[in-house]
Every structure is written in C-alpha cells, then in structure tokens.
Amino acid sequence: MATIFMALSGGIDSTVLLANLLSEGHKVTTCFFKYGSKHNEREELAANEVAAYYKVKGSIVDVTDIFDTSPSALLARNMLRPIPPTGYHEVGSLAATVVPGRNTVFASALASFAEAEALQSEKTTFIALGIHGGDHALYPDCRPQYADALAKLIHISTEGRVGFMAPMVHWTKAKVVESGIALSAPLHLTWSCYEGKEAACGKCGTCRERLAAFESAGVRDPIAYAG
C-alpha cells in the first residue's frame, strides 16, 4: 500500500483514478486546485462530493494568481472569450482552452506535499494525475512523453522520495468510463462541462467527449444536461 497525493477536479478522469487507487488499497489524499476557470466553482462542488463519498482527506489550493496573464478561454478572467462549441479533434477546436503549465503547477504542489510526507515517514510517497489518452491531441501536458519527463523530474528533484503515477495515460475516455462503471464510482457526482452552469451544456468539447464515452460504454450519462 502506498501513500498517494492526487489532484481531484471532480471530473470523470480524476474520480475514476481515485476509485482505482482506493480499490488497490492505497492511502489517498486529494487536492482540489482553484485556478480561476469558468467551471471551477462547479468542479469544486463535485470534488467535495466525490471526496465525501469516498471519505478521503482532501485539501484546497488556490493557484489562480499564477495564471493571471493566461489568455485561455477557459479562465473566468477572459469571460469575453467563448468556449468553442467544437470537438477535440476538429480543426481550430479547443486550443483556446489550453491553460499553459496547468498540470505542471498542480504536479509541483502535489510533489511538495508528498515529499514533506516522505521526509516524515521515511517512506517513498507518490503523486498521481488522471491524464488520459483522449487529451493527447490537444493538451501537451497530458501526453505520455510529458508523463515520462515529469516522472524523471520529480524523482530527481526529490532524490527519489516521490514517485509519479499516471495509470490512465494510454486509456481512451471510453475505457475511463468503463473502469468507473466496473468500480461503481460515483459518476453521477462528477462534472465535466466547461461552461460551469447549473446543468451541463452538452455542446462544448468536453461534454461531447463525455457523452460519446458513455455511449461507447453502452450506459446513459447520469448527470443532467440543458435542454
């Protein structure tokens, strides 16, 4: 059993990651990152509900100021930049939603927590991110080569006290959903939509990817959609 610090966004990917880690008997501490996205408040609600469901210890870290100059349409500070209503693989799709350095910032904070734990326990600890194959085309910090490089960086910077896990990095979104279903993960508590309104829009790229994954798994998405 390992001690693992992971980012929990309240979305499907991190929720299924948490379900998998707990099913393997690991001790998991979650961390929700506030970074100023348009759907951050809705994500936080989902993350809190998922953490409560699993009765895991969690913390909240506000890194909003780090992204203060980012032009990403995903950020609330750029409210006049709309979320493109296109899919991940369409021309000119969701590149506008890339938040430069996001996963690196998250991983750095997690590594700090994990190393502090390792120094006290004198045991190797780990950090984990729920990055998966569906994000490879659009987000450079979700690709296998990024995960490999990050693992080396964390190992070197902590003198081997902290390891990095990205067990779903080669999974499709459909496989993520299928794994969640198999583990009875609370997918009904999760949130994906970039718009962050009361009900998911069903039109943005992440909603469309989510719906397609559930359809591929042969299961109806349990959350509410507008219209």
C-alpha atoms as a PDB file:
ATOM      1  CA  MET A   1       0.000   0.000   0.000  1.00  0.00           C
ATOM      2  CA  ALA A   2       1.369   3.398  -0.996  1.00  0.00           C
ATOM      3  CA  THR A   3       0.651   6.911   0.209  1.00  0.00           C
ATOM      4  CA  ILE A   4      -0.547   8.965  -2.750  1.00  0.00           C
ATOM      5  CA  PHE A   5      -1.398  12.632  -3.216  1.00  0.00           C
ATOM      6  CA  MET A   6      -3.615  13.243  -6.239  1.00  0.00           C
ATOM      7  CA  ALA A   7      -5.387  16.093  -7.982  1.00  0.00           C
ATOM      8  CA  LEU A   8      -9.171  15.686  -7.760  1.00  0.00           C
ATOM      9  CA  SER A   9     -11.047  18.023 -10.096  1.00  0.00           C
ATOM     10  CA  GLY A  10     -14.455  16.441  -9.655  1.00  0.00           C
ATOM     11  CA  GLY A  11     -14.401  15.234 -13.257  1.00  0.00           C
ATOM     12  CA  ILE A  12     -14.681  11.680 -14.532  1.00  0.00           C
ATOM     13  CA  ASP A  13     -10.954  11.128 -15.004  1.00  0.00           C
ATOM     14  CA  SER A  14      -9.795  12.053 -11.509  1.00  0.00           C
ATOM     15  CA  THR A  15     -12.821  10.365  -9.917  1.00  0.00           C
ATOM     16  CA  VAL A  16     -12.069   7.091 -11.699  1.00  0.00           C
ATOM     17  CA  LEU A  17      -8.388   7.460 -10.812  1.00  0.00           C
ATOM     18  CA  LEU A  18      -9.362   7.815  -7.151  1.00  0.00           C
ATOM     19  CA  ALA A  19     -11.648   4.787  -7.387  1.00  0.00           C
ATOM     20  CA  ASN A  20      -8.852   2.697  -8.895  1.00  0.00           C
ATOM     21  CA  LEU A  21      -6.250   3.748  -6.337  1.00  0.00           C
ATOM     22  CA  LEU A  22      -8.566   3.049  -3.418  1.00  0.00           C
ATOM     23  CA  SER A  23      -9.564  -0.322  -4.884  1.00  0.00           C
ATOM     24  CA  GLU A  24      -5.857  -1.224  -4.856  1.00  0.00           C
ATOM     25  CA  GLY A  25      -5.658  -0.424  -1.158  1.00  0.00           C
ATOM     26  CA  HIS A  26      -3.636   2.782  -1.320  1.00  0.00           C
ATOM     27  CA  LYS A  27      -3.892   5.627   1.184  1.00  0.00           C
ATOM     28  CA  VAL A  28      -5.012   8.619  -0.878  1.00  0.00           C
ATOM     29  CA  THR A  29      -5.110  12.322  -0.056  1.00  0.00           C
ATOM     30  CA  THR A  30      -6.841  14.515  -2.632  1.00  0.00           C
ATOM     31  CA  CYS A  31      -6.163  18.095  -3.609  1.00  0.00           C
ATOM     32  CA  PHE A  32      -8.548  20.403  -5.447  1.00  0.00           C
ATOM     33  CA  PHE A  33      -6.920  23.271  -7.308  1.00  0.00           C
ATOM     34  CA  LYS A  34      -8.631  26.596  -7.758  1.00  0.00           C
ATOM     35  CA  TYR A  35      -7.135  28.103 -10.872  1.00  0.00           C
ATOM     36  CA  GLY A  36      -9.794  30.547 -11.997  1.00  0.00           C
ATOM     37  CA  SER A  37     -11.598  28.520 -14.651  1.00  0.00           C
ATOM     38  CA  LYS A  38     -15.154  29.288 -15.702  1.00  0.00           C
ATOM     39  CA  HIS A  39     -16.306  25.976 -14.260  1.00  0.00           C
ATOM     40  CA  ASN A  40     -14.068  25.956 -11.156  1.00  0.00           C
ATOM     41  CA  GLU A  41     -16.906  26.535  -8.671  1.00  0.00           C
ATOM     42  CA  ARG A  42     -18.946  23.706 -10.156  1.00  0.00           C
ATOM     43  CA  GLU A  43     -15.856  21.494 -10.207  1.00  0.00           C
ATOM     44  CA  GLU A  44     -15.174  22.236  -6.543  1.00  0.00           C
ATOM     45  CA  LEU A  45     -18.694  21.190  -5.600  1.00  0.00           C
ATOM     46  CA  ALA A  46     -18.264  17.919  -7.479  1.00  0.00           C
ATOM     47  CA  ALA A  47     -14.813  17.284  -6.000  1.00  0.00           C
ATOM     48  CA  ASN A  48     -16.116  17.832  -2.477  1.00  0.00           C
ATOM     49  CA  GLU A  49     -18.989  15.432  -3.085  1.00  0.00           C
ATOM     50  CA  VAL A  50     -16.690  12.771  -4.525  1.00  0.00           C
ATOM     51  CA  ALA A  51     -14.224  13.120  -1.637  1.00  0.00           C
ATOM     52  CA  ALA A  52     -17.100  12.855   0.856  1.00  0.00           C
ATOM     53  CA  TYR A  53     -18.447   9.785  -0.945  1.00  0.00           C
ATOM     54  CA  TYR A  54     -15.117   8.014  -0.505  1.00  0.00           C
ATOM     55  CA  LYS A  55     -14.433   9.541   2.919  1.00  0.00           C
ATOM     56  CA  VAL A  56     -10.954  10.657   1.880  1.00  0.00           C
ATOM     57  CA  LYS A  57      -8.994  13.555   3.285  1.00  0.00           C
ATOM     58  CA  GLY A  58      -8.768  16.499   0.916  1.00  0.00           C
ATOM     59  CA  SER A  59      -7.349  19.983   0.684  1.00  0.00           C
ATOM     60  CA  ILE A  60      -7.942  23.039  -1.494  1.00  0.00           C
ATOM     61  CA  VAL A  61      -5.100  25.047  -3.018  1.00  0.00           C
ATOM     62  CA  ASP A  62      -5.691  28.371  -4.758  1.00  0.00           C
ATOM     63  CA  VAL A  63      -3.253  28.943  -7.632  1.00  0.00           C
ATOM     64  CA  THR A  64      -5.435  31.435  -9.507  1.00  0.00           C
ATOM     65  CA  ASP A  65      -2.837  34.207  -9.498  1.00  0.00           C
ATOM     66  CA  ILE A  66      -0.299  32.013 -11.281  1.00  0.00           C
ATOM     67  CA  PHE A  67      -2.487  32.038 -14.391  1.00  0.00           C
ATOM     68  CA  ASP A  68      -3.314  35.739 -14.198  1.00  0.00           C
ATOM     69  CA  THR A  69      -1.752  36.511 -17.589  1.00  0.00           C
ATOM     70  CA  SER A  70      -3.013  33.438 -19.424  1.00  0.00           C
ATOM     71  CA  PRO A  71      -5.172  34.162 -22.491  1.00  0.00           C
ATOM     72  CA  SER A  72      -7.044  30.863 -22.167  1.00  0.00           C
ATOM     73  CA  ALA A  73     -10.772  30.983 -22.925  1.00  0.00           C
ATOM     74  CA  LEU A  74     -11.220  28.509 -20.091  1.00  0.00           C
ATOM     75  CA  LEU A  75     -10.466  31.159 -17.479  1.00  0.00           C
ATOM     76  CA  ALA A  76     -13.164  33.344 -15.932  1.00  0.00           C
ATOM     77  CA  ARG A  77     -10.921  36.404 -16.231  1.00  0.00           C
ATOM     78  CA  ASN A  78     -11.315  36.017 -20.011  1.00  0.00           C
ATOM     79  CA  MET A  79     -15.111  35.903 -19.892  1.00  0.00           C
ATOM     80  CA  LEU A  80     -15.442  37.577 -23.296  1.00  0.00           C
ATOM     81  CA  ARG A  81     -13.574  34.695 -24.941  1.00  0.00           C
ATOM     82  CA  PRO A  82     -16.206  31.990 -25.526  1.00  0.00           C
ATOM     83  CA  ILE A  83     -15.587  28.268 -25.162  1.00  0.00           C
ATOM     84  CA  PRO A  84     -15.523  26.904 -28.751  1.00  0.00           C
ATOM     85  CA  PRO A  85     -18.538  24.616 -29.346  1.00  0.00           C
ATOM     86  CA  THR A  86     -16.372  22.083 -31.176  1.00  0.00           C
ATOM     87  CA  GLY A  87     -14.858  18.681 -30.514  1.00  0.00           C
ATOM     88  CA  TYR A  88     -11.278  17.930 -29.547  1.00  0.00           C
ATOM     89  CA  HIS A  89     -10.268  16.695 -32.966  1.00  0.00           C
ATOM     90  CA  GLU A  90     -11.972  19.314 -35.125  1.00  0.00           C
ATOM     91  CA  VAL A  91      -9.959  21.991 -36.929  1.00  0.00           C
ATOM     92  CA  GLY A  92      -9.441  25.042 -34.701  1.00  0.00           C
ATOM     93  CA  SER A  93     -11.179  23.160 -31.924  1.00  0.00           C
ATOM     94  CA  LEU A  94     -10.458  23.705 -28.273  1.00  0.00           C
ATOM     95  CA  ALA A  95      -6.905  25.012 -28.495  1.00  0.00           C
ATOM     96  CA  ALA A  96      -8.284  28.217 -26.977  1.00  0.00           C
ATOM     97  CA  THR A  97      -8.904  26.302 -23.731  1.00  0.00           C
ATOM     98  CA  VAL A  98      -5.276  25.296 -23.146  1.00  0.00           C
ATOM     99  CA  VAL A  99      -4.044  26.725 -19.825  1.00  0.00           C
ATOM    100  CA  PRO A 100      -0.234  26.864 -20.145  1.00  0.00           C
ATOM    101  CA  GLY A 101       1.586  24.984 -17.401  1.00  0.00           C
ATOM    102  CA  ARG A 102      -1.526  23.869 -15.568  1.00  0.00           C
ATOM    103  CA  ASN A 103      -0.604  20.253 -14.868  1.00  0.00           C
ATOM    104  CA  THR A 104       2.993  21.212 -14.105  1.00  0.00           C
ATOM    105  CA  VAL A 105       1.809  23.671 -11.457  1.00  0.00           C
ATOM    106  CA  PHE A 106      -0.530  21.057  -9.998  1.00  0.00           C
ATOM    107  CA  ALA A 107       2.156  18.371 -10.004  1.00  0.00           C
ATOM    108  CA  SER A 108       4.680  20.685  -8.335  1.00  0.00           C
ATOM    109  CA  ALA A 109       2.307  21.413  -5.462  1.00  0.00           C
ATOM    110  CA  LEU A 110       1.448  17.738  -5.067  1.00  0.00           C
ATOM    111  CA  ALA A 111       5.132  16.807  -5.099  1.00  0.00           C
ATOM    112  CA  SER A 112       5.775  19.292  -2.306  1.00  0.00           C
ATOM    113  CA  PHE A 113       3.067  17.721  -0.150  1.00  0.00           C
ATOM    114  CA  ALA A 114       4.293  14.235  -0.975  1.00  0.00           C
ATOM    115  CA  GLU A 115       7.939  14.994  -0.229  1.00  0.00           C
ATOM    116  CA  ALA A 116       7.038  16.521   3.128  1.00  0.00           C
ATOM    117  CA  GLU A 117       5.181  13.300   3.955  1.00  0.00           C
ATOM    118  CA  ALA A 118       8.101  11.177   2.743  1.00  0.00           C
ATOM    119  CA  LEU A 119      10.573  13.056   4.922  1.00  0.00           C
ATOM    120  CA  GLN A 120       8.420  12.430   7.977  1.00  0.00           C
ATOM    121  CA  SER A 121       7.536   8.813   7.260  1.00  0.00           C
ATOM    122  CA  GLU A 122      10.881   7.897   5.684  1.00  0.00           C
ATOM    123  CA  LYS A 123       8.942   6.028   3.008  1.00  0.00           C
ATOM    124  CA  THR A 124       8.549   6.725  -0.698  1.00  0.00           C
ATOM    125  CA  THR A 125       5.315   8.565  -1.482  1.00  0.00           C
ATOM    126  CA  PHE A 126       3.621   9.205  -4.808  1.00  0.00           C
ATOM    127  CA  ILE A 127       1.622  11.794  -6.682  1.00  0.00           C
ATOM    128  CA  ALA A 128      -0.973  10.965  -9.323  1.00  0.00           C
ATOM    129  CA  LEU A 129      -2.762  12.744 -12.155  1.00  0.00           C
ATOM    130  CA  GLY A 130      -5.770  11.472 -14.104  1.00  0.00           C
ATOM    131  CA  ILE A 131      -4.461  12.390 -17.551  1.00  0.00           C
ATOM    132  CA  HIS A 132      -5.732  10.085 -20.299  1.00  0.00           C
ATOM    133  CA  GLY A 133      -5.336   9.324 -23.994  1.00  0.00           C
ATOM    134  CA  GLY A 134      -8.260  11.427 -25.188  1.00  0.00           C
ATOM    135  CA  ASP A 135      -6.405  14.599 -24.201  1.00  0.00           C
ATOM    136  CA  HIS A 136      -3.195  13.869 -26.112  1.00  0.00           C
ATOM    137  CA  ALA A 137      -4.038  15.689 -29.326  1.00  0.00           C
ATOM    138  CA  LEU A 138      -4.891  18.973 -27.657  1.00  0.00           C
ATOM    139  CA  TYR A 139      -3.089  19.224 -24.329  1.00  0.00           C
ATOM    140  CA  PRO A 140       0.723  18.808 -24.336  1.00  0.00           C
ATOM    141  CA  ASP A 141       0.768  18.257 -20.563  1.00  0.00           C
ATOM    142  CA  CYS A 142      -1.414  15.154 -20.920  1.00  0.00           C
ATOM    143  CA  ARG A 143       0.809  13.195 -23.311  1.00  0.00           C
ATOM    144  CA  PRO A 144       2.915  10.111 -22.487  1.00  0.00           C
ATOM    145  CA  GLN A 145       6.194  11.931 -23.149  1.00  0.00           C
ATOM    146  CA  TYR A 146       5.150  14.616 -20.664  1.00  0.00           C
ATOM    147  CA  ALA A 147       4.289  11.990 -18.058  1.00  0.00           C
ATOM    148  CA  ASP A 148       7.652  10.269 -18.578  1.00  0.00           C
ATOM    149  CA  ALA A 149       9.573  13.538 -18.285  1.00  0.00           C
ATOM    150  CA  LEU A 150       7.594  14.631 -15.224  1.00  0.00           C
ATOM    151  CA  ALA A 151       8.297  11.305 -13.506  1.00  0.00           C
ATOM    152  CA  LYS A 152      12.037  11.806 -14.042  1.00  0.00           C
ATOM    153  CA  LEU A 153      11.913  15.414 -12.860  1.00  0.00           C
ATOM    154  CA  ILE A 154      10.045  14.544  -9.670  1.00  0.00           C
ATOM    155  CA  HIS A 155      12.354  11.618  -8.964  1.00  0.00           C
ATOM    156  CA  ILE A 156      15.445  13.801  -9.369  1.00  0.00           C
ATOM    157  CA  SER A 157      14.119  16.844  -7.530  1.00  0.00           C
ATOM    158  CA  THR A 158      13.072  14.783  -4.502  1.00  0.00           C
ATOM    159  CA  GLU A 159      16.086  12.443  -4.561  1.00  0.00           C
ATOM    160  CA  GLY A 160      13.783   9.517  -5.189  1.00  0.00           C
ATOM    161  CA  ARG A 161      11.482  10.228  -2.270  1.00  0.00           C
ATOM    162  CA  VAL A 162       8.478  10.860  -4.538  1.00  0.00           C
ATOM    163  CA  GLY A 163       7.209   8.861  -7.477  1.00  0.00           C
ATOM    164  CA  PHE A 164       4.717   9.822 -10.183  1.00  0.00           C
ATOM    165  CA  MET A 165       1.686   7.866 -11.359  1.00  0.00           C
ATOM    166  CA  ALA A 166      -0.430   8.420 -14.457  1.00  0.00           C
ATOM    167  CA  PRO A 167      -2.021   4.977 -14.848  1.00  0.00           C
ATOM    168  CA  MET A 168      -4.632   6.118 -17.382  1.00  0.00           C
ATOM    169  CA  VAL A 169      -2.280   7.977 -19.715  1.00  0.00           C
ATOM    170  CA  HIS A 170      -2.867   5.466 -22.530  1.00  0.00           C
ATOM    171  CA  TRP A 171      -6.588   4.943 -21.867  1.00  0.00           C
ATOM    172  CA  THR A 172      -9.382   6.204 -24.072  1.00  0.00           C
ATOM    173  CA  LYS A 173     -12.184   8.182 -22.449  1.00  0.00           C
ATOM    174  CA  ALA A 174     -14.480   5.233 -23.048  1.00  0.00           C
ATOM    175  CA  LYS A 175     -12.127   2.969 -21.085  1.00  0.00           C
ATOM    176  CA  VAL A 176     -12.069   5.505 -18.250  1.00  0.00           C
ATOM    177  CA  VAL A 177     -15.875   5.423 -18.096  1.00  0.00           C
ATOM    178  CA  GLU A 178     -15.958   1.626 -18.336  1.00  0.00           C
ATOM    179  CA  SER A 179     -13.481   1.355 -15.462  1.00  0.00           C
ATOM    180  CA  GLY A 180     -15.567   3.746 -13.386  1.00  0.00           C
ATOM    181  CA  ILE A 181     -18.684   1.707 -14.011  1.00  0.00           C
ATOM    182  CA  ALA A 182     -16.892  -1.529 -13.098  1.00  0.00           C
ATOM    183  CA  LEU A 183     -15.722   0.025  -9.816  1.00  0.00           C
ATOM    184  CA  SER A 184     -19.142   1.581  -9.073  1.00  0.00           C
ATOM    185  CA  ALA A 185     -17.512   5.016  -8.995  1.00  0.00           C
ATOM    186  CA  PRO A 186     -19.952   7.882  -8.277  1.00  0.00           C
ATOM    187  CA  LEU A 187     -20.028   9.155 -11.850  1.00  0.00           C
ATOM    188  CA  HIS A 188     -23.359  10.828 -11.083  1.00  0.00           C
ATOM    189  CA  LEU A 189     -21.472  13.257  -8.823  1.00  0.00           C
ATOM    190  CA  THR A 190     -18.902  14.263 -11.442  1.00  0.00           C
ATOM    191  CA  TRP A 191     -18.751  17.420 -13.548  1.00  0.00           C
ATOM    192  CA  SER A 192     -17.092  17.971 -16.927  1.00  0.00           C
ATOM    193  CA  CYS A 193     -18.763  20.895 -18.728  1.00  0.00           C
ATOM    194  CA  TYR A 194     -16.522  23.919 -19.326  1.00  0.00           C
ATOM    195  CA  GLU A 195     -19.454  26.320 -19.043  1.00  0.00           C
ATOM    196  CA  GLY A 196     -19.967  25.639 -15.331  1.00  0.00           C
ATOM    197  CA  LYS A 197     -23.684  26.387 -15.264  1.00  0.00           C
ATOM    198  CA  GLU A 198     -26.417  24.591 -13.329  1.00  0.00           C
ATOM    199  CA  ALA A 199     -26.719  21.889 -15.980  1.00  0.00           C
ATOM    200  CA  ALA A 200     -24.053  20.697 -18.424  1.00  0.00           C
ATOM    201  CA  CYS A 201     -24.349  22.343 -21.850  1.00  0.00           C
ATOM    202  CA  GLY A 202     -23.884  19.144 -23.862  1.00  0.00           C
ATOM    203  CA  LYS A 203     -22.226  21.156 -26.648  1.00  0.00           C
ATOM    204  CA  CYS A 204     -18.669  22.012 -25.587  1.00  0.00           C
ATOM    205  CA  GLY A 205     -15.841  19.637 -26.451  1.00  0.00           C
ATOM    206  CA  THR A 206     -15.587  18.065 -23.027  1.00  0.00           C
ATOM    207  CA  CYS A 207     -19.356  17.454 -22.847  1.00  0.00           C
ATOM    208  CA  ARG A 208     -19.315  15.859 -26.282  1.00  0.00           C
ATOM    209  CA  GLU A 209     -16.359  13.659 -25.369  1.00  0.00           C
ATOM    210  CA  ARG A 210     -18.097  12.612 -22.161  1.00  0.00           C
ATOM    211  CA  LEU A 211     -21.374  11.765 -23.889  1.00  0.00           C
ATOM    212  CA  ALA A 212     -19.564   9.779 -26.579  1.00  0.00           C
ATOM    213  CA  ALA A 213     -17.663   7.811 -23.922  1.00  0.00           C
ATOM    214  CA  PHE A 214     -20.869   6.831 -22.120  1.00  0.00           C
ATOM    215  CA  GLU A 215     -22.482   5.896 -25.421  1.00  0.00           C
ATOM    216  CA  SER A 216     -19.474   3.712 -26.258  1.00  0.00           C
ATOM    217  CA  ALA A 217     -19.787   2.045 -22.855  1.00  0.00           C
ATOM    218  CA  GLY A 218     -23.480   1.417 -23.504  1.00  0.00           C
ATOM    219  CA  VAL A 219     -24.551   3.359 -20.416  1.00  0.00           C
ATOM    220  CA  ARG A 220     -26.588   6.545 -20.089  1.00  0.00           C
ATOM    221  CA  ASP A 221     -24.724   9.516 -18.631  1.00  0.00           C
ATOM    222  CA  PRO A 222     -26.286  10.043 -15.162  1.00  0.00           C
ATOM    223  CA  ILE A 223     -25.870  13.847 -14.982  1.00  0.00           C
ATOM    224  CA  ALA A 224     -28.343  16.495 -16.182  1.00  0.00           C
ATOM    225  CA  TYR A 225     -27.903  18.381 -19.456  1.00  0.00           C
ATOM    226  CA  ALA A 226     -29.513  21.637 -20.508  1.00  0.00           C
ATOM    227  CA  GLY A 227     -32.413  21.336 -22.904  1.00  0.00           C
END
